[in-house]
């Protein structure tokens, strides 16, 4: 948890740094003849976004750096374009990894949830048998009448059936995910 907190504060620091660099670049756009300087500021903002693992924002900064860079410097233009493509592909990879990890967490949670559902089903059905069968209790449980014991037994039986339905449905989802 502490590592996650440090990671979040680190990301927040780099994001705020990148945003301040972008606002600086936007102010510089008003000044004539500052195109190459603007591209360097956008490049610095992109690097800050990379440190924060915000690859799509970094790609957009590289695109702005390409726009405001020196048009005659083809190497610089190609470098910014290549970095932009790389950041977009990093964004897609990162997004795919997040989806895969969240799916794994969902399956683990579902397995725990499914075992809990199974326990509730077994408990409900066994309690319902205890109350429905008069031979086991002899109606000695809390001085219940025959109809009272039958009603409680039927209630637990219905609860067991409902949870059995959820258990089976959840089990099918887990087997499809694997």
Foldseek 3Di string as FASTA:
>chain_A
DVVVVVLVVLLVVLQVVLVVLLVVLVVCVVPPPCLQVSLVSLQSSLVSNVSSVNLQSSLVSLVSSLVSHDPVPVVSNVVSNVSSVVSVVSVVVVVVVVVVVVLVVVLVVLVVVLVVLVVLLVVLLVQLCCLLDCVNPVCPPVNDDNVRSNVSSVVSNVVSVVSVVVSVVSVVVSVVSD
